[in-house]
Amino acid sequence: MDYFSALQIFHSVCETTSFTATAKQLGVAVSSVTRQIDNLEQSLGIALLNRSTRKLSLTAAGIRYQQQTKSILDDLQQVNQQLKDEVLEPQGKLRITFPNTYGACKLSLLLAEFATRYPKIELELISSDDFVDLFSQPIDLAIRLGQINDDRLIAKKLAPQQRLLVASPAYLQQHGTPETPQDLTALNCLPFTYRGLAAKWYFKQGEKMESIWAKGNLSGNNAEMLLQACLDGQGITHLPDWLVERHLQAGKLVQIFANWQITPTDTAENDGIYLVYTPNNRQMMKINVLSEFLFERLG
């Protein structure tokens, strides 16, 4: 039997003390009301109502049942209302993680705008360059750069990403502009490294692929520090377009090998900005809203 409907009818009868009044209140036939109450009592094996020709009253068991089921009915109604409200206006906590530099450069203003547009969504921002495991950590979604190699995750591409090889005009004037990727081995490269691993840069031009081990007197896992070192004329680095574009426009940096595709791996056709989350995520309503917003702004 449908206990939720039966509980609704039972509590309405408790308030109205009348099958007829309950039927009118709920917009159903009187026979439906009596049938639901009869089925409920039969299921419980006990009478909940005293019936007379003049009025209805609760039995001792009925009083106890009313008191103990009221909170259950209230909780169900609250959950139903919350779901309806979320369809109209998403709400509740949403935890998102993203790389430090990308968060500061691209997401900070956008997420502030998103919070203003959707004030009932409680954004919790986790800035980290570590790849947080979404299956074991209480985080709803992540912004990832580059390629997505975990096929367990659902990935939505928000925007393309192009990596550019850059140097300051002063550095190139002093040391010369490289003409081929192999020329970089004689220059001071500033590679982005992760967990101390050596950096290999790949250069693709049509079907042609070349690579070098990027070496120099400065490396690290902070893209902003590498950018600053490059601006200061310390060497050559490759960084994402969203980080260096304003410096290129201002003439503070010069792009090298514009006719080559610069990549961190030998298979970077799908290099981009991705929003990723686990399958069957309970926060899908809010994730979809944020995904559409970011795609609109970044795509």
Protein backbone atom coordinates (compact mmCIF):
# COMPACT_ATOMS: atom_id res chain seq x y z
CA MET A 1 0.00 0.00 0.00
CA ASP A 2 0.97 3.65 -0.42
CA TYR A 3 1.88 4.59 3.15
CA PHE A 4 2.64 8.19 2.24
CA SER A 5 -0.87 8.76 0.85
CA ALA A 6 -2.39 6.84 3.75
CA LEU A 7 -0.47 8.99 6.26
CA GLN A 8 -1.59 12.17 4.55
CA ILE A 9 -5.23 11.07 4.70
CA PHE A 10 -4.94 9.82 8.28
CA HIS A 11 -3.50 13.13 9.53
CA SER A 12 -6.12 15.08 7.62
CA VAL A 13 -8.87 12.98 9.27
CA CYS A 14 -7.25 13.69 12.65
CA GLU A 15 -7.59 17.41 11.94
CA THR A 16 -11.08 17.42 10.44
CA THR A 17 -12.59 14.48 12.42
CA SER A 18 -14.62 13.78 9.30
CA PHE A 19 -14.19 11.54 6.25
CA THR A 20 -16.33 13.92 4.21
CA ALA A 21 -14.36 17.02 5.21
CA THR A 22 -11.06 15.23 4.49
CA ALA A 23 -12.28 14.15 1.06
CA LYS A 24 -13.23 17.74 0.29
CA GLN A 25 -9.91 19.09 1.61
CA LEU A 26 -7.83 16.66 -0.46
CA GLY A 27 -10.07 16.66 -3.53
CA VAL A 28 -10.79 12.93 -3.51
CA ALA A 29 -13.89 10.74 -3.12
CA VAL A 30 -15.12 9.88 0.37
CA SER A 31 -14.83 6.22 -0.57
CA SER A 32 -11.10 6.72 -1.27
CA VAL A 33 -10.62 8.20 2.20
CA THR A 34 -12.41 5.36 3.99
CA ARG A 35 -10.59 2.74 1.90
CA GLN A 36 -7.17 4.21 2.73
CA ILE A 37 -7.97 4.33 6.45
CA ASP A 38 -9.32 0.77 6.37
CA ASN A 39 -6.18 -0.46 4.55
CA LEU A 40 -3.93 1.34 7.03
CA GLU A 41 -5.69 -0.16 10.03
CA GLN A 42 -5.69 -3.60 8.43
CA SER A 43 -1.95 -3.29 7.70
CA LEU A 44 -1.23 -2.31 11.31
CA GLY A 45 -3.67 -4.82 12.77
CA ILE A 46 -5.21 -2.24 15.11
CA ALA A 47 -7.99 0.34 15.06
CA LEU A 48 -6.86 3.93 14.84
CA LEU A 49 -10.30 5.59 14.84
CA ASN A 50 -13.49 5.26 16.83
CA ARG A 51 -16.35 5.50 14.35
CA SER A 52 -19.84 6.63 15.24
CA THR A 53 -22.72 8.15 13.36
CA ARG A 54 -22.03 11.51 14.97
CA LYS A 55 -18.25 11.92 14.79
CA LEU A 56 -14.84 10.29 14.53
CA SER A 57 -12.30 10.17 17.35
CA LEU A 58 -8.85 8.69 17.79
CA THR A 59 -8.27 5.53 19.74
CA ALA A 60 -5.35 5.40 22.18
CA ALA A 61 -3.34 3.66 19.47
CA GLY A 62 -4.47 6.31 16.98
CA ILE A 63 -3.24 9.13 19.22
CA ARG A 64 0.15 7.46 19.60
CA TYR A 65 0.37 6.73 15.86
CA GLN A 66 -0.48 10.35 15.03
CA GLN A 67 2.18 11.70 17.38
CA GLN A 68 4.92 9.36 16.18
CA THR A 69 4.26 9.70 12.45
CA LYS A 70 3.84 13.48 12.31
CA SER A 71 7.61 14.10 12.09
CA ILE A 72 7.90 11.48 9.33
CA LEU A 73 5.19 13.14 7.29
CA ASP A 74 6.70 16.58 7.91
CA ASP A 75 10.14 15.35 6.76
CA LEU A 76 8.70 13.83 3.60
CA GLN A 77 6.82 16.99 2.77
CA GLN A 78 9.93 19.08 3.43
CA VAL A 79 12.07 16.91 1.14
CA ASN A 80 9.43 17.08 -1.59
CA GLN A 81 9.28 20.86 -1.29
CA GLN A 82 13.07 21.15 -1.37
CA LEU A 83 13.22 19.13 -4.58
CA LYS A 84 10.54 21.32 -6.14
CA ASP A 85 12.38 24.46 -5.01
CA GLU A 86 15.66 23.21 -6.48
CA VAL A 87 14.02 22.78 -9.87
CA LEU A 88 12.96 26.43 -9.73
CA GLU A 89 16.06 27.70 -7.91
CA PRO A 90 19.02 25.39 -7.14
CA GLN A 91 20.20 25.56 -3.55
CA GLY A 92 22.47 23.89 -1.02
CA LYS A 93 26.22 23.30 -0.71
CA LEU A 94 28.44 22.65 -3.73
CA ARG A 95 32.13 21.86 -3.20
CA ILE A 96 34.48 22.57 -6.10
CA THR A 97 38.26 22.18 -6.42
CA PHE A 98 40.53 23.79 -9.00
CA PRO A 99 44.24 24.55 -9.61
CA ASN A 100 45.61 27.52 -7.66
CA THR A 101 46.74 29.69 -10.56
CA TYR A 102 43.70 29.04 -12.74
CA GLY A 103 41.43 29.82 -9.82
CA ALA A 104 43.12 33.16 -9.15
CA CYS A 105 43.41 34.18 -12.82
CA LYS A 106 40.15 32.94 -14.33
CA LEU A 107 37.68 31.64 -11.77
CA SER A 108 37.68 34.13 -8.90
CA LEU A 109 35.57 36.78 -10.62
CA LEU A 110 33.39 34.22 -12.40
CA LEU A 111 32.53 32.30 -9.23
CA ALA A 112 31.76 35.55 -7.43
CA GLU A 113 29.35 36.40 -10.26
CA PHE A 114 27.85 32.91 -10.06
CA ALA A 115 27.32 33.29 -6.29
CA THR A 116 25.48 36.55 -6.90
CA ARG A 117 23.25 35.00 -9.56
CA TYR A 118 22.48 31.89 -7.46
CA PRO A 119 22.53 33.09 -3.84
CA LYS A 120 20.99 29.89 -2.47
CA ILE A 121 23.89 27.75 -3.73
CA GLU A 122 26.59 27.63 -1.05
CA LEU A 123 29.89 27.39 -2.92
CA GLU A 124 32.83 25.91 -1.04
CA LEU A 125 36.04 26.59 -2.96
CA ILE A 126 39.04 24.26 -2.55
CA SER A 127 42.11 25.65 -4.33
CA SER A 128 44.78 22.98 -4.81
CA ASP A 129 47.28 21.86 -7.43
CA ASP A 130 46.92 18.27 -6.25
CA PHE A 131 44.58 15.94 -8.13
CA VAL A 132 41.89 15.43 -5.51
CA ASP A 133 40.26 12.00 -5.64
CA LEU A 134 36.56 12.78 -6.16
CA PHE A 135 35.61 9.22 -5.26
CA SER A 136 37.12 9.32 -1.77
CA GLN A 137 36.91 13.02 -0.86
CA PRO A 138 33.72 14.99 -0.04
CA ILE A 139 34.07 17.18 -3.13
CA ASP A 140 31.38 17.42 -5.79
CA LEU A 141 33.34 18.47 -8.86
CA ALA A 142 36.72 19.67 -10.09
CA ILE A 143 38.15 21.93 -12.75
CA ARG A 144 41.02 20.12 -14.47
CA LEU A 145 43.52 21.44 -17.03
CA GLY A 146 45.09 19.47 -19.84
CA GLN A 147 43.81 15.97 -20.49
CA ILE A 148 41.43 13.73 -18.52
CA ASN A 149 42.90 10.27 -18.22
CA ASP A 150 40.49 8.82 -15.65
CA ASP A 151 37.65 7.22 -17.64
CA ARG A 152 35.63 6.73 -14.44
CA LEU A 153 34.90 10.46 -14.38
CA ILE A 154 32.37 12.36 -16.45
CA ALA A 155 34.19 15.24 -18.16
CA LYS A 156 32.72 18.32 -19.84
CA LYS A 157 35.06 20.48 -21.87
CA LEU A 158 34.49 24.11 -20.90
CA ALA A 159 37.11 25.71 -23.14
CA PRO A 160 40.14 24.90 -25.28
CA GLN A 161 43.62 25.47 -23.91
CA GLN A 162 46.73 26.24 -25.93
CA ARG A 163 50.22 26.15 -24.45
CA LEU A 164 52.59 28.85 -25.70
CA LEU A 165 56.38 28.99 -25.65
CA VAL A 166 57.36 32.49 -24.48
CA ALA A 167 60.30 34.63 -23.44
CA SER A 168 60.90 38.28 -22.70
CA PRO A 169 62.20 40.55 -25.48
CA ALA A 170 65.27 41.29 -23.32
CA TYR A 171 66.16 37.59 -22.96
CA LEU A 172 65.86 36.96 -26.71
CA GLN A 173 67.89 40.06 -27.51
CA GLN A 174 70.68 38.86 -25.24
CA HIS A 175 70.64 35.13 -26.08
CA GLY A 176 69.08 34.97 -29.52
CA THR A 177 65.77 33.54 -30.73
CA PRO A 178 65.74 29.75 -31.22
CA GLU A 179 64.88 28.58 -34.72
CA THR A 180 64.16 24.90 -33.98
CA PRO A 181 63.04 23.02 -30.87
CA GLN A 182 66.53 21.49 -30.54
CA ASP A 183 68.00 24.99 -30.14
CA LEU A 184 66.30 25.15 -26.75
CA THR A 185 68.82 22.68 -25.30
CA ALA A 186 71.43 25.47 -25.37
CA LEU A 187 69.15 27.99 -23.65
CA ASN A 188 67.84 28.43 -20.12
CA CYS A 189 64.43 26.76 -19.95
CA LEU A 190 62.04 27.28 -17.06
CA PRO A 191 59.94 24.10 -16.94
CA PHE A 192 56.83 23.42 -14.90
CA THR A 193 57.52 20.27 -12.91
CA TYR A 194 55.24 18.07 -10.82
CA ARG A 195 56.54 16.16 -7.80
CA GLY A 196 60.12 16.69 -8.88
CA LEU A 197 59.80 14.80 -12.18
CA ALA A 198 61.88 16.00 -15.11
CA ALA A 199 59.99 17.96 -17.75
CA LYS A 200 59.84 16.92 -21.38
CA TRP A 201 58.44 19.35 -23.92
CA TYR A 202 56.78 18.13 -27.12
CA PHE A 203 56.53 20.11 -30.34
CA LYS A 204 54.10 19.08 -33.05
CA GLN A 205 53.91 20.48 -36.58
CA GLY A 206 51.58 18.56 -38.86
CA GLU A 207 52.81 14.95 -38.78
CA LYS A 208 56.18 15.98 -37.42
CA MET A 209 56.88 15.53 -33.69
CA GLU A 210 59.99 16.63 -31.79
CA SER A 211 60.78 16.69 -28.09
CA ILE A 212 63.44 17.96 -25.70
CA TRP A 213 64.21 17.61 -22.02
CA ALA A 214 63.59 21.12 -20.68
CA LYS A 215 66.48 22.12 -18.42
CA GLY A 216 67.49 25.34 -16.73
CA ASN A 217 68.38 26.92 -13.42
CA LEU A 218 64.76 27.36 -12.30
CA SER A 219 61.83 24.94 -12.32
CA GLY A 220 58.83 24.31 -10.11
CA ASN A 221 55.13 23.61 -9.77
CA ASN A 222 53.98 27.24 -9.49
CA ALA A 223 53.08 28.67 -12.90
CA GLU A 224 52.88 32.26 -11.64
CA MET A 225 56.45 32.14 -10.33
CA LEU A 226 57.68 30.73 -13.63
CA LEU A 227 55.79 33.47 -15.43
CA GLN A 228 57.41 36.14 -13.29
CA ALA A 229 60.85 34.67 -13.88
CA CYS A 230 60.17 34.73 -17.61
CA LEU A 231 58.99 38.35 -17.43
CA ASP A 232 62.20 39.20 -15.57
CA GLY A 233 64.25 37.84 -18.46
CA GLN A 234 65.55 34.70 -16.78
CA GLY A 235 64.68 32.25 -19.54
CA ILE A 236 62.11 30.54 -21.79
CA THR A 237 59.02 28.73 -20.57
CA HIS A 238 55.79 27.31 -21.92
CA LEU A 239 52.58 28.22 -20.17
CA PRO A 240 48.85 28.19 -21.02
CA ASP A 241 47.44 30.97 -23.19
CA TRP A 242 45.04 32.20 -20.50
CA LEU A 243 48.01 33.00 -18.25
CA VAL A 244 50.30 34.79 -20.73
CA GLU A 245 47.93 36.41 -23.24
CA ARG A 246 47.78 39.84 -21.56
CA HIS A 247 51.59 39.96 -21.34
CA LEU A 248 51.87 39.11 -25.01
CA GLN A 249 49.42 41.86 -25.89
CA ALA A 250 51.38 44.31 -23.75
CA GLY A 251 54.64 43.36 -25.47
CA LYS A 252 56.21 42.09 -22.25
CA LEU A 253 56.52 38.59 -23.70
CA VAL A 254 57.20 37.23 -27.17
CA GLN A 255 55.75 33.99 -28.51
CA ILE A 256 58.29 31.52 -29.93
CA PHE A 257 57.44 28.79 -32.47
CA ALA A 258 53.94 30.11 -33.18
CA ASN A 259 53.61 27.57 -35.99
CA TRP A 260 54.23 24.63 -33.64
CA GLN A 261 51.82 23.04 -31.19
CA ILE A 262 53.52 22.96 -27.77
CA THR A 263 52.30 20.16 -25.52
CA PRO A 264 53.26 18.48 -22.22
CA THR A 265 52.73 14.99 -23.69
CA ASP A 266 52.95 13.37 -27.11
CA THR A 267 49.14 13.07 -27.30
CA ALA A 268 47.52 16.38 -26.43
CA GLU A 269 44.82 16.77 -29.05
CA ASN A 270 42.19 17.08 -26.30
CA ASP A 271 44.11 19.61 -24.22
CA GLY A 272 41.60 21.92 -22.60
CA ILE A 273 39.75 23.14 -19.51
CA TYR A 274 37.44 20.45 -18.13
CA LEU A 275 34.76 20.22 -15.49
CA VAL A 276 34.73 16.70 -14.06
CA TYR A 277 32.52 14.85 -11.58
CA THR A 278 31.61 11.32 -10.58
CA PRO A 279 28.70 9.40 -12.16
CA ASN A 280 25.37 9.37 -10.29
CA ASN A 281 26.33 12.54 -8.44
CA ARG A 282 23.56 13.71 -6.11
CA GLN A 283 24.40 17.34 -6.84
CA MET A 284 23.62 17.12 -10.57
CA MET A 285 21.11 19.97 -10.55
CA LYS A 286 23.70 22.40 -9.16
CA ILE A 287 26.55 20.93 -11.23
CA ASN A 288 24.57 21.45 -14.44
CA VAL A 289 23.81 25.05 -13.51
CA LEU A 290 27.48 25.79 -12.79
CA SER A 291 28.63 23.91 -15.90
CA GLU A 292 26.33 25.92 -18.16
CA PHE A 293 27.42 29.17 -16.52
CA LEU A 294 31.14 28.45 -16.91
CA PHE A 295 30.73 27.21 -20.49
CA GLU A 296 28.91 30.44 -21.32
CA ARG A 297 31.74 32.51 -19.84
CA LEU A 298 34.78 30.47 -20.86
CA GLY A 299 33.72 28.63 -24.01
